[in-house]
Structure formats: C-alpha cells, structure tokens
C-alpha cells in the first residue's frame, strides 16, 4: 500500500507546531489516586501485601513527576495553556463513574485526597482542571470544546498510565485533528512492556513520541 514504507511502517507524520498561542500542556491523571506510592490504588495494594505487583511503576514515578514538572515550568514560562485531567466522580458513591472504573475500584470522591493533583504539580488558580469519569478525557469532559474555544491546535501530553488513559486520550485527540507530542519519559505504566508497547504503537501514527529534553528544545525553538 502506498501509505506504508518498504519496512512496513506508516510514513512519518508531519511535524507538530508547538507555538505558545496554539499549544496546551495536558497532564493526565497525575493525582494521588493512581500516581502515588502511598495513596490511592498503590497505597492500597501495598497495605494488602501486593506491593511487588506495582514495584516497577512506583520506581518510575519520581522520574515521571520530575519530567512533568520540567514541562510544566517550561510551558508556564512561555505562556502555553496548561490543562490537567484527573479521575474522579461527581458523587460520593461514584454512581456517575464509567462501568469499568466502578468495577476496578477507581473511585476518587469529591474533596478526597485521591482526587487531588500531586503536590509537586499543583495547578495555579487560573489553570484548568477537568474531572473525568472514563479513560479518555475526550469521552467524559468538554475538553474538545475548551481547546477549540482557546484556539488550541497542538497538545503536549504526559501522565499515567501510558497504555490506558494516556493512550486513549492521545488517540482521541489525533482523531479530532490535534497535533500531539507525547513525552515518553514523563509517562509510566504498571509494567515496562506495557509502556514500551504503547509508545511503539502510538509513535508516528497518533503522535510524536519524544523525550522531555527534545520536547523542551522544540518548544524553545517556537518561542
């Protein structure tokens, strides 16, 4: 087929323009529910003696948070829009959550510690925080409408988990016409193979997968 190269890969995607006026940083679910070793899902797993199941993910978190912070500082300094998503319910009992979230126990009630963004990445008062009840931000929030109102054409994405909420959000963003850059070392999954496979599947098909250093370099070039 003419859209495939001889090695069987899709042809390279066009470059994503990271202009400050039309680019937003999207931090996906970097909250205490599922991005903290001592709270939420992983705190519960450790208390239940299942900590070995999340050791890899927990070991990745400090680097992920540090790189997300670098992206956050860089975007704030250059005037990029900053948007957070977080898993949470609008009700105390979680009856508004998607069936899959209810089944898995991904419940962060309003005003709970689990629904809060990590302290290292605390939103500023005028930054947008969207609460979602499904894996993709485009399914259960009005993010698409917000981005279009603000003239956003490109997204820089980071967060957890690479093969779940990050991937579904990236795919949905691409399908809606946004250019997407994914910071590979500002994401993590429960297992290394999940993380690496998700990056391989998305790169040059739904987004550009780049390390944080390269994302920051490209941002600097557009400033």
N, C-alpha and C. Protein backbone atom coordinates (compact mmCIF):
# COMPACT_ATOMS: atom_id res chain seq x y z
N UNK A 1 0.85 -1.19 0.00
CA UNK A 1 0.00 0.00 0.00
C UNK A 1 0.89 1.24 0.00
N UNK A 2 0.45 2.32 -0.67
CA UNK A 2 1.32 3.45 -0.86
C UNK A 2 1.56 4.28 0.40
N UNK A 3 0.75 4.06 1.45
CA UNK A 3 0.98 4.81 2.68
C UNK A 3 1.94 4.08 3.62
N UNK A 4 2.46 2.96 3.19
CA UNK A 4 3.43 2.22 4.00
C UNK A 4 4.80 2.30 3.38
N UNK A 5 5.80 2.39 4.23
CA UNK A 5 7.16 2.35 3.75
C UNK A 5 7.55 0.90 3.48
N UNK A 6 8.70 0.71 2.87
CA UNK A 6 9.13 -0.63 2.50
C UNK A 6 9.31 -1.53 3.71
N UNK A 7 9.60 -0.96 4.87
CA UNK A 7 9.78 -1.76 6.07
C UNK A 7 8.47 -2.09 6.76
N UNK A 8 7.37 -1.64 6.19
CA UNK A 8 6.08 -1.99 6.76
C UNK A 8 5.55 -1.01 7.78
N UNK A 9 6.24 0.13 8.01
CA UNK A 9 5.77 1.13 8.95
C UNK A 9 5.00 2.22 8.20
N UNK A 10 4.14 2.92 8.96
CA UNK A 10 3.47 4.07 8.38
C UNK A 10 4.48 5.15 8.04
N UNK A 11 4.18 5.94 7.03
CA UNK A 11 5.04 7.06 6.68
C UNK A 11 5.09 8.03 7.85
N UNK A 12 6.22 8.72 8.02
CA UNK A 12 6.36 9.64 9.15
C UNK A 12 5.28 10.72 9.14
N UNK A 13 4.84 11.10 10.33
CA UNK A 13 3.86 12.16 10.46
C UNK A 13 4.52 13.51 10.22
N UNK A 14 3.74 14.49 9.83
CA UNK A 14 4.26 15.85 9.72
C UNK A 14 4.57 16.39 11.10
N UNK A 15 5.47 17.35 11.17
CA UNK A 15 5.87 17.92 12.45
C UNK A 15 4.68 18.63 13.11
N UNK A 16 4.69 18.62 14.44
CA UNK A 16 3.65 19.31 15.20
C UNK A 16 4.19 20.68 15.61
N UNK A 17 3.45 21.71 15.28
CA UNK A 17 3.84 23.08 15.60
C UNK A 17 3.54 23.37 17.06
N UNK A 18 4.57 23.67 17.84
CA UNK A 18 4.41 23.94 19.28
C UNK A 18 4.48 25.44 19.56
N UNK A 19 3.63 26.19 18.88
CA UNK A 19 3.57 27.63 19.09
C UNK A 19 2.81 27.93 20.39
N UNK A 20 3.31 28.83 21.23
CA UNK A 20 2.65 29.10 22.52
C UNK A 20 1.18 29.46 22.41
N UNK A 21 0.81 30.22 21.39
CA UNK A 21 -0.57 30.68 21.29
C UNK A 21 -1.55 29.57 20.93
N UNK A 22 -1.06 28.46 20.42
CA UNK A 22 -1.97 27.41 19.97
C UNK A 22 -1.60 26.02 20.48
N UNK A 23 -0.86 25.98 21.58
CA UNK A 23 -0.44 24.69 22.16
C UNK A 23 -0.80 24.65 23.64
N UNK A 24 -1.24 23.49 24.10
CA UNK A 24 -1.53 23.28 25.52
C UNK A 24 -0.77 22.08 26.04
N UNK A 25 -0.31 22.18 27.29
CA UNK A 25 0.25 21.04 28.00
C UNK A 25 -0.90 20.33 28.69
N UNK A 26 -1.02 19.03 28.45
CA UNK A 26 -2.08 18.23 29.07
C UNK A 26 -1.44 17.22 30.01
N UNK A 27 -1.65 17.41 31.31
CA UNK A 27 -1.14 16.50 32.34
C UNK A 27 -2.26 15.54 32.70
N UNK A 28 -2.05 14.26 32.44
CA UNK A 28 -3.12 13.27 32.52
C UNK A 28 -3.01 12.46 33.81
N UNK A 29 -3.95 12.68 34.71
CA UNK A 29 -4.17 11.85 35.91
C UNK A 29 -2.96 11.77 36.84
N UNK A 30 -2.18 12.83 36.93
CA UNK A 30 -1.05 12.86 37.87
C UNK A 30 -1.59 13.33 39.22
N UNK A 31 -2.28 12.40 39.87
CA UNK A 31 -3.03 12.66 41.09
C UNK A 31 -2.73 11.57 42.11
N UNK A 32 -3.24 11.76 43.32
CA UNK A 32 -2.94 10.80 44.38
C UNK A 32 -3.63 9.45 44.20
N UNK A 33 -4.70 9.39 43.42
CA UNK A 33 -5.38 8.11 43.20
C UNK A 33 -4.48 7.08 42.56
N UNK A 34 -3.79 7.48 41.45
CA UNK A 34 -3.04 6.46 40.71
C UNK A 34 -1.67 6.93 40.27
N UNK A 35 -1.11 7.94 40.97
CA UNK A 35 0.26 8.35 40.67
C UNK A 35 1.03 8.61 41.95
N UNK A 36 0.70 7.84 42.98
CA UNK A 36 1.35 8.00 44.28
C UNK A 36 1.57 6.63 44.91
N UNK A 37 2.76 6.43 45.45
CA UNK A 37 3.08 5.14 46.07
C UNK A 37 2.35 4.94 47.39
N UNK A 38 2.01 6.03 48.06
CA UNK A 38 1.45 5.90 49.40
C UNK A 38 -0.03 6.15 49.52
N UNK A 39 -0.69 6.47 48.43
CA UNK A 39 -2.11 6.78 48.46
C UNK A 39 -2.85 5.97 47.40
N UNK A 40 -4.15 6.09 47.39
CA UNK A 40 -4.97 5.53 46.33
C UNK A 40 -4.75 4.06 46.05
N UNK A 41 -4.71 3.74 44.77
CA UNK A 41 -4.64 2.35 44.32
C UNK A 41 -3.39 1.66 44.83
N UNK A 42 -2.24 2.31 44.72
CA UNK A 42 -0.97 1.65 45.03
C UNK A 42 -0.69 1.64 46.53
N UNK A 43 -1.19 2.62 47.24
CA UNK A 43 -1.13 2.54 48.69
C UNK A 43 -1.94 1.38 49.21
N UNK A 44 -3.12 1.16 48.60
CA UNK A 44 -3.96 0.03 49.00
C UNK A 44 -3.30 -1.30 48.66
N UNK A 45 -2.69 -1.39 47.49
CA UNK A 45 -2.02 -2.63 47.10
C UNK A 45 -0.89 -2.97 48.07
N UNK A 46 -0.14 -1.98 48.50
CA UNK A 46 0.95 -2.22 49.43
C UNK A 46 0.42 -2.68 50.79
N UNK A 47 -0.65 -2.07 51.24
CA UNK A 47 -1.24 -2.47 52.53
C UNK A 47 -1.79 -3.89 52.47
N UNK A 48 -2.19 -4.32 51.28
CA UNK A 48 -2.73 -5.68 51.10
C UNK A 48 -1.64 -6.70 50.80
N UNK A 49 -0.38 -6.28 50.86
CA UNK A 49 0.73 -7.20 50.60
C UNK A 49 0.97 -7.50 49.14
N UNK A 50 0.50 -6.62 48.25
CA UNK A 50 0.65 -6.82 46.81
C UNK A 50 1.59 -5.80 46.19
N UNK A 51 2.46 -5.25 47.01
CA UNK A 51 3.35 -4.20 46.54
C UNK A 51 4.27 -4.61 45.41
N UNK A 52 4.60 -5.91 45.37
CA UNK A 52 5.50 -6.37 44.30
C UNK A 52 4.88 -6.21 42.92
N UNK A 53 3.56 -6.16 42.84
CA UNK A 53 2.88 -6.02 41.55
C UNK A 53 3.02 -4.62 40.97
N UNK A 54 3.35 -3.67 41.83
CA UNK A 54 3.45 -2.28 41.35
C UNK A 54 4.85 -1.70 41.56
N UNK A 55 5.83 -2.54 41.87
CA UNK A 55 7.18 -2.04 42.13
C UNK A 55 7.76 -1.28 40.95
N UNK A 56 7.59 -1.81 39.74
CA UNK A 56 8.15 -1.13 38.57
C UNK A 56 7.51 0.25 38.40
N UNK A 57 6.20 0.30 38.47
CA UNK A 57 5.51 1.57 38.29
C UNK A 57 5.93 2.59 39.34
N UNK A 58 5.96 2.16 40.58
CA UNK A 58 6.33 3.06 41.68
C UNK A 58 7.76 3.57 41.49
N UNK A 59 8.65 2.71 41.00
CA UNK A 59 10.04 3.12 40.79
C UNK A 59 10.15 4.18 39.69
N UNK A 60 9.20 4.19 38.78
CA UNK A 60 9.20 5.16 37.68
C UNK A 60 8.63 6.52 38.07
N UNK A 61 7.81 6.55 39.10
CA UNK A 61 7.08 7.76 39.42
C UNK A 61 7.96 8.99 39.67
N UNK A 62 9.04 8.90 40.45
CA UNK A 62 9.85 10.11 40.68
C UNK A 62 10.34 10.75 39.39
N UNK A 63 10.81 9.95 38.44
CA UNK A 63 11.27 10.49 37.17
C UNK A 63 10.15 11.08 36.35
N UNK A 64 8.99 10.40 36.35
CA UNK A 64 7.83 10.90 35.62
C UNK A 64 7.40 12.26 36.16
N UNK A 65 7.30 12.36 37.47
CA UNK A 65 6.86 13.62 38.09
C UNK A 65 7.88 14.72 37.84
N UNK A 66 9.16 14.38 37.94
CA UNK A 66 10.21 15.38 37.70
C UNK A 66 10.15 15.91 36.27
N UNK A 67 9.96 15.03 35.31
CA UNK A 67 9.89 15.46 33.91
C UNK A 67 8.61 16.23 33.62
N UNK A 68 7.51 15.79 34.24
CA UNK A 68 6.26 16.54 34.09
C UNK A 68 6.42 17.95 34.66
N UNK A 69 7.16 18.07 35.75
CA UNK A 69 7.40 19.38 36.35
C UNK A 69 8.25 20.26 35.42
N UNK A 70 9.22 19.67 34.76
CA UNK A 70 10.03 20.42 33.80
C UNK A 70 9.17 20.94 32.64
N UNK A 71 8.29 20.09 32.15
CA UNK A 71 7.38 20.51 31.09
C UNK A 71 6.46 21.62 31.59
N UNK A 72 5.97 21.45 32.80
CA UNK A 72 5.06 22.44 33.38
C UNK A 72 5.76 23.79 33.53
N UNK A 73 6.97 23.78 34.06
CA UNK A 73 7.71 25.03 34.23
C UNK A 73 7.99 25.69 32.88
N UNK A 74 8.39 24.87 31.90
CA UNK A 74 8.69 25.40 30.58
C UNK A 74 7.47 26.01 29.91
N UNK A 75 6.33 25.33 30.02
CA UNK A 75 5.11 25.82 29.39
C UNK A 75 4.60 27.08 30.08
N UNK A 76 4.67 27.10 31.38
CA UNK A 76 4.24 28.31 32.10
C UNK A 76 5.11 29.50 31.73
N UNK A 77 6.41 29.28 31.64
CA UNK A 77 7.33 30.37 31.34
C UNK A 77 7.08 30.96 29.95
N UNK A 78 6.61 30.13 29.03
CA UNK A 78 6.43 30.58 27.65
C UNK A 78 4.99 30.90 27.29
N UNK A 79 4.11 30.83 28.27
CA UNK A 79 2.73 31.23 28.03
C UNK A 79 1.85 30.20 27.38
N UNK A 80 2.22 28.91 27.45
CA UNK A 80 1.36 27.85 26.95
C UNK A 80 0.17 27.67 27.89
N UNK A 81 -0.95 27.24 27.35
CA UNK A 81 -2.06 26.83 28.20
C UNK A 81 -1.69 25.56 28.95
N UNK A 82 -2.16 25.43 30.18
CA UNK A 82 -1.93 24.24 31.00
C UNK A 82 -3.27 23.67 31.42
N UNK A 83 -3.48 22.38 31.13
CA UNK A 83 -4.73 21.71 31.47
C UNK A 83 -4.41 20.39 32.18
N UNK A 84 -5.11 20.14 33.25
CA UNK A 84 -4.98 18.88 34.00
C UNK A 84 -6.25 18.05 33.82
N UNK A 85 -6.08 16.74 33.74
CA UNK A 85 -7.23 15.85 33.92
C UNK A 85 -6.98 15.02 35.17
N UNK A 86 -8.07 14.63 35.79
CA UNK A 86 -7.98 13.78 36.98
C UNK A 86 -9.18 12.85 37.00
N UNK A 87 -8.96 11.63 37.44
CA UNK A 87 -10.05 10.68 37.61
C UNK A 87 -10.81 11.06 38.88
N UNK A 88 -12.11 11.14 38.78
CA UNK A 88 -12.91 11.47 39.96
C UNK A 88 -14.38 11.38 39.64
N UNK A 89 -15.17 11.32 40.67
CA UNK A 89 -16.62 11.27 40.50
C UNK A 89 -17.23 12.57 40.99
N UNK A 90 -18.41 12.84 40.51
CA UNK A 90 -19.17 13.99 40.97
C UNK A 90 -20.02 13.65 42.18
N UNK A 91 -20.12 12.36 42.48
CA UNK A 91 -20.95 11.88 43.59
C UNK A 91 -20.09 11.15 44.61
N UNK A 92 -20.55 11.11 45.83
CA UNK A 92 -19.78 10.44 46.90
C UNK A 92 -19.68 8.95 46.66
N UNK A 93 -20.72 8.32 46.12
CA UNK A 93 -20.70 6.88 45.95
C UNK A 93 -20.17 6.45 44.58
N UNK A 94 -19.85 7.39 43.70
CA UNK A 94 -19.27 7.06 42.40
C UNK A 94 -20.24 6.50 41.39
N UNK A 95 -21.51 6.76 41.58
CA UNK A 95 -22.50 6.18 40.65
C UNK A 95 -22.41 6.78 39.25
N UNK A 96 -21.71 7.91 39.10
CA UNK A 96 -21.56 8.53 37.79
C UNK A 96 -20.32 8.06 37.06
N UNK A 97 -19.51 7.18 37.66
CA UNK A 97 -18.31 6.67 37.01
C UNK A 97 -18.67 5.71 35.88
N UNK A 98 -17.74 5.53 34.94
CA UNK A 98 -17.94 4.53 33.90
C UNK A 98 -17.98 3.15 34.54
N UNK A 99 -18.66 2.20 33.89
CA UNK A 99 -18.73 0.84 34.45
C UNK A 99 -17.36 0.23 34.72
N UNK A 100 -16.39 0.49 33.83
CA UNK A 100 -15.06 -0.10 34.03
C UNK A 100 -14.38 0.49 35.26
N UNK A 101 -14.54 1.78 35.50
CA UNK A 101 -13.94 2.39 36.69
C UNK A 101 -14.59 1.86 37.96
N UNK A 102 -15.90 1.72 37.94
CA UNK A 102 -16.58 1.17 39.12
C UNK A 102 -16.11 -0.24 39.41
N UNK A 103 -15.99 -1.04 38.36
CA UNK A 103 -15.56 -2.44 38.53
C UNK A 103 -14.15 -2.54 39.09
N UNK A 104 -13.26 -1.65 38.66
CA UNK A 104 -11.87 -1.70 39.09
C UNK A 104 -11.62 -0.95 40.40
N UNK A 105 -12.62 -0.24 40.88
CA UNK A 105 -12.45 0.49 42.13
C UNK A 105 -11.70 1.79 41.98
N UNK A 106 -11.70 2.37 40.77
CA UNK A 106 -11.04 3.66 40.53
C UNK A 106 -12.00 4.77 40.94
N UNK A 107 -12.10 4.96 42.23
CA UNK A 107 -13.08 5.91 42.77
C UNK A 107 -12.37 6.95 43.61
N UNK A 108 -12.45 8.19 43.16
CA UNK A 108 -11.92 9.32 43.92
C UNK A 108 -13.06 10.29 44.16
N UNK A 109 -13.67 10.26 45.33
CA UNK A 109 -14.83 11.13 45.59
C UNK A 109 -14.44 12.60 45.60
N UNK A 110 -15.42 13.48 45.43
CA UNK A 110 -15.13 14.91 45.52
C UNK A 110 -14.50 15.26 46.88
N UNK A 111 -13.54 16.16 46.86
CA UNK A 111 -12.87 16.64 48.07
C UNK A 111 -12.01 15.58 48.78
N UNK A 112 -11.77 14.43 48.12
CA UNK A 112 -10.90 13.41 48.71
C UNK A 112 -9.44 13.71 48.38
N UNK A 113 -8.54 13.11 49.12
CA UNK A 113 -7.12 13.24 48.81
C UNK A 113 -6.82 12.62 47.45
N UNK A 114 -7.46 11.52 47.14
CA UNK A 114 -7.17 10.80 45.90
C UNK A 114 -7.45 11.63 44.66
N UNK A 115 -8.41 12.53 44.71
CA UNK A 115 -8.77 13.31 43.52
C UNK A 115 -7.80 14.46 43.30
N UNK A 116 -7.00 14.79 44.28
CA UNK A 116 -6.11 15.94 44.19
C UNK A 116 -4.91 15.67 43.27
N UNK A 117 -4.50 16.68 42.54
CA UNK A 117 -3.27 16.63 41.75
C UNK A 117 -2.09 16.57 42.71
N UNK A 118 -1.04 15.84 42.31
CA UNK A 118 0.15 15.73 43.15
C UNK A 118 0.68 17.11 43.55
N UNK A 119 1.16 17.20 44.77
CA UNK A 119 1.61 18.48 45.30
C UNK A 119 2.72 19.10 44.44
N UNK A 120 3.60 18.26 43.89
CA UNK A 120 4.71 18.76 43.07
C UNK A 120 4.23 19.44 41.79
N UNK A 121 2.98 19.16 41.41
CA UNK A 121 2.44 19.67 40.15
C UNK A 121 1.19 20.51 40.38
N UNK A 122 1.05 21.08 41.55
CA UNK A 122 -0.16 21.80 41.93
C UNK A 122 -0.58 22.83 40.89
N UNK A 123 -1.83 22.78 40.45
CA UNK A 123 -2.31 23.77 39.48
C UNK A 123 -2.32 25.18 40.08
N UNK A 124 -2.05 26.15 39.24
CA UNK A 124 -2.22 27.54 39.63
C UNK A 124 -3.69 27.90 39.55
N UNK A 125 -4.11 28.97 40.23
CA UNK A 125 -5.54 29.29 40.31
C UNK A 125 -6.24 29.42 38.96
N UNK A 126 -5.56 29.91 37.92
CA UNK A 126 -6.23 30.14 36.64
C UNK A 126 -6.01 29.01 35.63
N UNK A 127 -5.42 27.90 36.07
CA UNK A 127 -5.23 26.75 35.18
C UNK A 127 -6.42 25.81 35.26
N UNK A 128 -6.71 25.14 34.15
CA UNK A 128 -7.93 24.35 34.03
C UNK A 128 -7.71 22.92 34.55
N UNK A 129 -8.61 22.46 35.41
CA UNK A 129 -8.59 21.10 35.93
C UNK A 129 -9.91 20.44 35.57
N UNK A 130 -9.85 19.36 34.81
CA UNK A 130 -11.05 18.66 34.36
C UNK A 130 -11.16 17.31 35.05
N UNK A 131 -12.29 17.04 35.65
CA UNK A 131 -12.54 15.75 36.30
C UNK A 131 -13.22 14.83 35.30
N UNK A 132 -12.64 13.65 35.11
CA UNK A 132 -13.19 12.72 34.13
C UNK A 132 -13.61 11.42 34.79
N UNK A 133 -14.58 10.78 34.20
CA UNK A 133 -15.12 9.54 34.74
C UNK A 133 -14.88 8.35 33.81
N UNK A 134 -13.95 8.54 32.86
CA UNK A 134 -13.62 7.48 31.90
C UNK A 134 -12.16 7.59 31.53
N UNK A 135 -11.64 6.64 30.76
CA UNK A 135 -10.21 6.65 30.45
C UNK A 135 -9.82 7.83 29.58
N UNK A 136 -10.57 8.16 28.57
CA UNK A 136 -10.24 9.27 27.69
C UNK A 136 -10.86 10.56 28.18
N UNK A 137 -10.04 11.62 28.20
CA UNK A 137 -10.57 12.94 28.58
C UNK A 137 -11.62 13.41 27.58
N UNK A 138 -11.54 12.95 26.33
CA UNK A 138 -12.48 13.40 25.31
C UNK A 138 -13.84 12.72 25.42
N UNK A 139 -13.91 11.65 26.21
CA UNK A 139 -15.18 10.93 26.36
C UNK A 139 -16.06 11.56 27.43
N UNK A 140 -15.48 11.97 28.55
CA UNK A 140 -16.30 12.37 29.70
C UNK A 140 -16.02 13.79 30.20
N UNK A 141 -15.34 14.61 29.39
CA UNK A 141 -15.21 16.03 29.72
C UNK A 141 -15.49 16.84 28.45
N UNK A 142 -15.57 18.16 28.59
CA UNK A 142 -15.78 19.03 27.43
C UNK A 142 -14.46 19.61 26.96
N UNK A 143 -13.39 18.83 27.05
CA UNK A 143 -12.06 19.31 26.68
C UNK A 143 -11.98 19.74 25.22
N UNK A 144 -12.62 19.01 24.33
CA UNK A 144 -12.55 19.36 22.92
C UNK A 144 -13.12 20.75 22.68
N UNK A 145 -14.25 21.03 23.27
CA UNK A 145 -14.87 22.35 23.15
C UNK A 145 -13.96 23.43 23.73
N UNK A 146 -13.38 23.17 24.89
CA UNK A 146 -12.48 24.14 25.52
C UNK A 146 -11.28 24.45 24.64
N UNK A 147 -10.66 23.40 24.11
CA UNK A 147 -9.47 23.60 23.27
C UNK A 147 -9.80 24.43 22.04
N UNK A 148 -10.93 24.16 21.44
CA UNK A 148 -11.31 24.90 20.23
C UNK A 148 -11.63 26.36 20.58
N UNK A 149 -12.29 26.58 21.69
CA UNK A 149 -12.57 27.96 22.12
C UNK A 149 -11.27 28.75 22.32
N UNK A 150 -10.23 28.07 22.82
CA UNK A 150 -8.97 28.75 23.12
C UNK A 150 -8.01 28.78 21.93
N UNK A 151 -8.43 28.21 20.81
CA UNK A 151 -7.60 28.23 19.61
C UNK A 151 -6.43 27.26 19.66
N UNK A 152 -6.58 26.19 20.45
CA UNK A 152 -5.51 25.20 20.60
C UNK A 152 -5.54 24.21 19.43
N UNK A 153 -4.38 24.04 18.80
CA UNK A 153 -4.25 23.09 17.70
C UNK A 153 -3.34 21.91 18.04
N UNK A 154 -2.47 22.10 19.05
CA UNK A 154 -1.47 21.08 19.38
C UNK A 154 -1.47 20.81 20.88
N UNK A 155 -1.15 19.56 21.23
CA UNK A 155 -1.09 19.15 22.63
C UNK A 155 0.26 18.52 22.94
N UNK A 156 0.80 18.86 24.09
CA UNK A 156 1.94 18.15 24.67
C UNK A 156 1.37 17.33 25.82
N UNK A 157 1.51 16.01 25.76
CA UNK A 157 0.87 15.14 26.74
C UNK A 157 1.90 14.43 27.62
N UNK A 158 1.51 14.21 28.87
CA UNK A 158 2.28 13.39 29.80
C UNK A 158 1.32 12.85 30.83
N UNK A 159 1.76 11.85 31.62
CA UNK A 159 0.90 11.34 32.68
C UNK A 159 0.87 9.83 32.77
N UNK A 160 -0.17 9.32 33.41
CA UNK A 160 -0.33 7.88 33.65
C UNK A 160 -1.76 7.47 33.31
N UNK A 161 -1.92 6.19 32.97
CA UNK A 161 -0.92 5.19 32.60
C UNK A 161 -0.76 5.25 31.08
N UNK A 162 0.46 4.98 30.62
CA UNK A 162 0.77 5.14 29.20
C UNK A 162 -0.20 4.37 28.31
N UNK A 163 -0.50 3.14 28.68
CA UNK A 163 -1.32 2.27 27.83
C UNK A 163 -2.81 2.32 28.15
N UNK A 164 -3.20 3.19 29.04
CA UNK A 164 -4.63 3.32 29.34
C UNK A 164 -5.09 4.76 29.07
N UNK A 165 -5.13 5.58 30.10
CA UNK A 165 -5.69 6.93 29.95
C UNK A 165 -4.87 7.81 29.01
N UNK A 166 -3.55 7.66 29.04
CA UNK A 166 -2.73 8.46 28.14
C UNK A 166 -2.99 8.07 26.70
N UNK A 167 -2.94 6.78 26.41
CA UNK A 167 -3.10 6.34 25.03
C UNK A 167 -4.49 6.65 24.47
N UNK A 168 -5.53 6.41 25.25
CA UNK A 168 -6.87 6.67 24.73
C UNK A 168 -7.09 8.16 24.49
N UNK A 169 -6.54 8.99 25.36
CA UNK A 169 -6.66 10.44 25.18
C UNK A 169 -5.88 10.91 23.96
N UNK A 170 -4.68 10.39 23.77
CA UNK A 170 -3.86 10.75 22.61
C UNK A 170 -4.57 10.33 21.32
N UNK A 171 -5.08 9.11 21.28
CA UNK A 171 -5.77 8.64 20.07
C UNK A 171 -6.99 9.52 19.76
N UNK A 172 -7.76 9.84 20.79
CA UNK A 172 -8.95 10.66 20.57
C UNK A 172 -8.58 12.07 20.12
N UNK A 173 -7.51 12.62 20.67
CA UNK A 173 -7.06 13.95 20.26
C UNK A 173 -6.67 13.94 18.78
N UNK A 174 -5.92 12.93 18.39
CA UNK A 174 -5.50 12.82 16.98
C UNK A 174 -6.71 12.70 16.06
N UNK A 175 -7.68 11.87 16.44
CA UNK A 175 -8.87 11.69 15.61
C UNK A 175 -9.67 12.97 15.45
N UNK A 176 -9.50 13.89 16.39
CA UNK A 176 -10.22 15.17 16.32
C UNK A 176 -9.40 16.26 15.66
N UNK A 177 -8.24 15.89 15.13
CA UNK A 177 -7.47 16.83 14.34
C UNK A 177 -6.37 17.58 15.05
N UNK A 178 -6.07 17.23 16.30
CA UNK A 178 -4.99 17.89 17.03
C UNK A 178 -3.65 17.24 16.71
N UNK A 179 -2.61 18.05 16.65
CA UNK A 179 -1.26 17.52 16.61
C UNK A 179 -0.83 17.19 18.03
N UNK A 180 -0.24 16.02 18.22
CA UNK A 180 0.09 15.59 19.58
C UNK A 180 1.55 15.20 19.68
N UNK A 181 2.19 15.69 20.74
CA UNK A 181 3.53 15.26 21.13
C UNK A 181 3.42 14.61 22.50
N UNK A 182 3.97 13.41 22.64
CA UNK A 182 3.92 12.68 23.90
C UNK A 182 5.31 12.57 24.49
N UNK A 183 5.49 13.06 25.71
CA UNK A 183 6.79 12.99 26.38
C UNK A 183 6.98 11.60 26.97
N UNK A 184 7.82 10.80 26.36
CA UNK A 184 7.94 9.38 26.69
C UNK A 184 8.42 9.13 28.11
N UNK A 185 9.30 9.98 28.63
CA UNK A 185 9.83 9.77 29.97
C UNK A 185 9.07 10.56 31.03
N UNK A 186 7.92 11.10 30.65
CA UNK A 186 7.01 11.73 31.60
C UNK A 186 5.71 10.94 31.66
N UNK A 187 5.80 9.65 31.33
CA UNK A 187 4.68 8.71 31.37
C UNK A 187 5.15 7.41 32.03
N UNK A 188 4.21 6.62 32.48
CA UNK A 188 4.56 5.31 33.05
C UNK A 188 3.36 4.38 33.00
N UNK A 189 3.65 3.08 33.01
CA UNK A 189 2.64 2.04 33.08
C UNK A 189 2.98 1.08 34.20
N UNK A 190 2.05 0.19 34.49
CA UNK A 190 2.26 -0.78 35.56
C UNK A 190 3.43 -1.70 35.26
N UNK A 191 3.64 -1.99 33.97
CA UNK A 191 4.75 -2.84 33.55
C UNK A 191 5.53 -2.17 32.42
N UNK A 192 6.81 -2.46 32.35
CA UNK A 192 7.66 -1.85 31.34
C UNK A 192 7.21 -2.21 29.93
N UNK A 193 6.82 -3.47 29.73
CA UNK A 193 6.41 -3.88 28.38
C UNK A 193 5.12 -3.18 27.95
N UNK A 194 4.22 -2.92 28.90
CA UNK A 194 3.01 -2.16 28.58
C UNK A 194 3.39 -0.76 28.09
N UNK A 195 4.30 -0.12 28.82
CA UNK A 195 4.74 1.24 28.50
C UNK A 195 5.40 1.29 27.12
N UNK A 196 6.35 0.40 26.89
CA UNK A 196 7.10 0.41 25.64
C UNK A 196 6.22 0.07 24.45
N UNK A 197 5.31 -0.88 24.62
CA UNK A 197 4.43 -1.25 23.52
C UNK A 197 3.48 -0.10 23.17
N UNK A 198 2.95 0.57 24.18
CA UNK A 198 2.05 1.69 23.91
C UNK A 198 2.77 2.80 23.16
N UNK A 199 4.00 3.09 23.56
CA UNK A 199 4.77 4.12 22.86
C UNK A 199 5.02 3.71 21.41
N UNK A 200 5.37 2.44 21.20
CA UNK A 200 5.66 1.96 19.85
C UNK A 200 4.42 2.01 18.96
N UNK A 201 3.28 1.68 19.52
CA UNK A 201 2.03 1.70 18.75
C UNK A 201 1.63 3.12 18.37
N UNK A 202 1.82 4.07 19.29
CA UNK A 202 1.37 5.44 19.05
C UNK A 202 2.32 6.25 18.18
N UNK A 203 3.62 6.00 18.29
CA UNK A 203 4.61 6.87 17.64
C UNK A 203 4.46 6.87 16.12
N UNK A 204 4.39 8.07 15.55
CA UNK A 204 4.27 8.28 14.11
C UNK A 204 2.96 7.77 13.52
N UNK A 205 2.03 7.39 14.37
CA UNK A 205 0.69 7.02 13.91
C UNK A 205 -0.33 7.99 14.51
N UNK A 206 -0.27 8.14 15.85
CA UNK A 206 -1.18 9.05 16.53
C UNK A 206 -0.48 10.27 17.13
N UNK A 207 0.84 10.22 17.23
CA UNK A 207 1.57 11.31 17.87
C UNK A 207 3.06 11.18 17.57
N UNK A 208 3.81 12.19 18.00
CA UNK A 208 5.26 12.11 18.02
C UNK A 208 5.69 11.76 19.44
N UNK A 209 6.38 10.66 19.60
CA UNK A 209 6.90 10.26 20.92
C UNK A 209 8.33 10.78 21.04
N UNK A 210 8.54 11.65 22.03
CA UNK A 210 9.84 12.29 22.20
C UNK A 210 10.19 12.35 23.68
N UNK A 211 11.48 12.31 24.03
CA UNK A 211 11.87 12.51 25.42
C UNK A 211 11.64 13.96 25.83
N UNK A 212 11.53 14.20 27.12
CA UNK A 212 11.25 15.53 27.62
C UNK A 212 12.26 16.57 27.14
N UNK A 213 13.54 16.21 27.11
CA UNK A 213 14.56 17.16 26.66
C UNK A 213 14.27 17.65 25.24
N UNK A 214 13.85 16.75 24.37
CA UNK A 214 13.58 17.13 22.99
C UNK A 214 12.31 17.97 22.89
N UNK A 215 11.31 17.64 23.70
CA UNK A 215 10.09 18.46 23.71
C UNK A 215 10.42 19.89 24.12
N UNK A 216 11.22 20.04 25.16
CA UNK A 216 11.59 21.37 25.63
C UNK A 216 12.42 22.11 24.58
N UNK A 217 13.28 21.39 23.87
CA UNK A 217 14.09 22.02 22.83
C UNK A 217 13.20 22.55 21.71
N UNK A 218 12.20 21.76 21.32
CA UNK A 218 11.31 22.19 20.25
C UNK A 218 10.43 23.36 20.70
N UNK A 219 10.03 23.34 21.96
CA UNK A 219 9.28 24.48 22.49
C UNK A 219 10.12 25.75 22.43
N UNK A 220 11.38 25.63 22.78
CA UNK A 220 12.29 26.78 22.78
C UNK A 220 12.43 27.34 21.37
N UNK A 221 12.44 26.47 20.39
CA UNK A 221 12.58 26.92 19.02
C UNK A 221 11.38 27.67 18.52
N UNK A 222 10.20 27.43 19.12
CA UNK A 222 8.99 28.10 18.67
C UNK A 222 8.67 29.34 19.49
N UNK A 223 9.39 29.55 20.60
CA UNK A 223 9.07 30.66 21.49
C UNK A 223 9.36 32.00 20.81
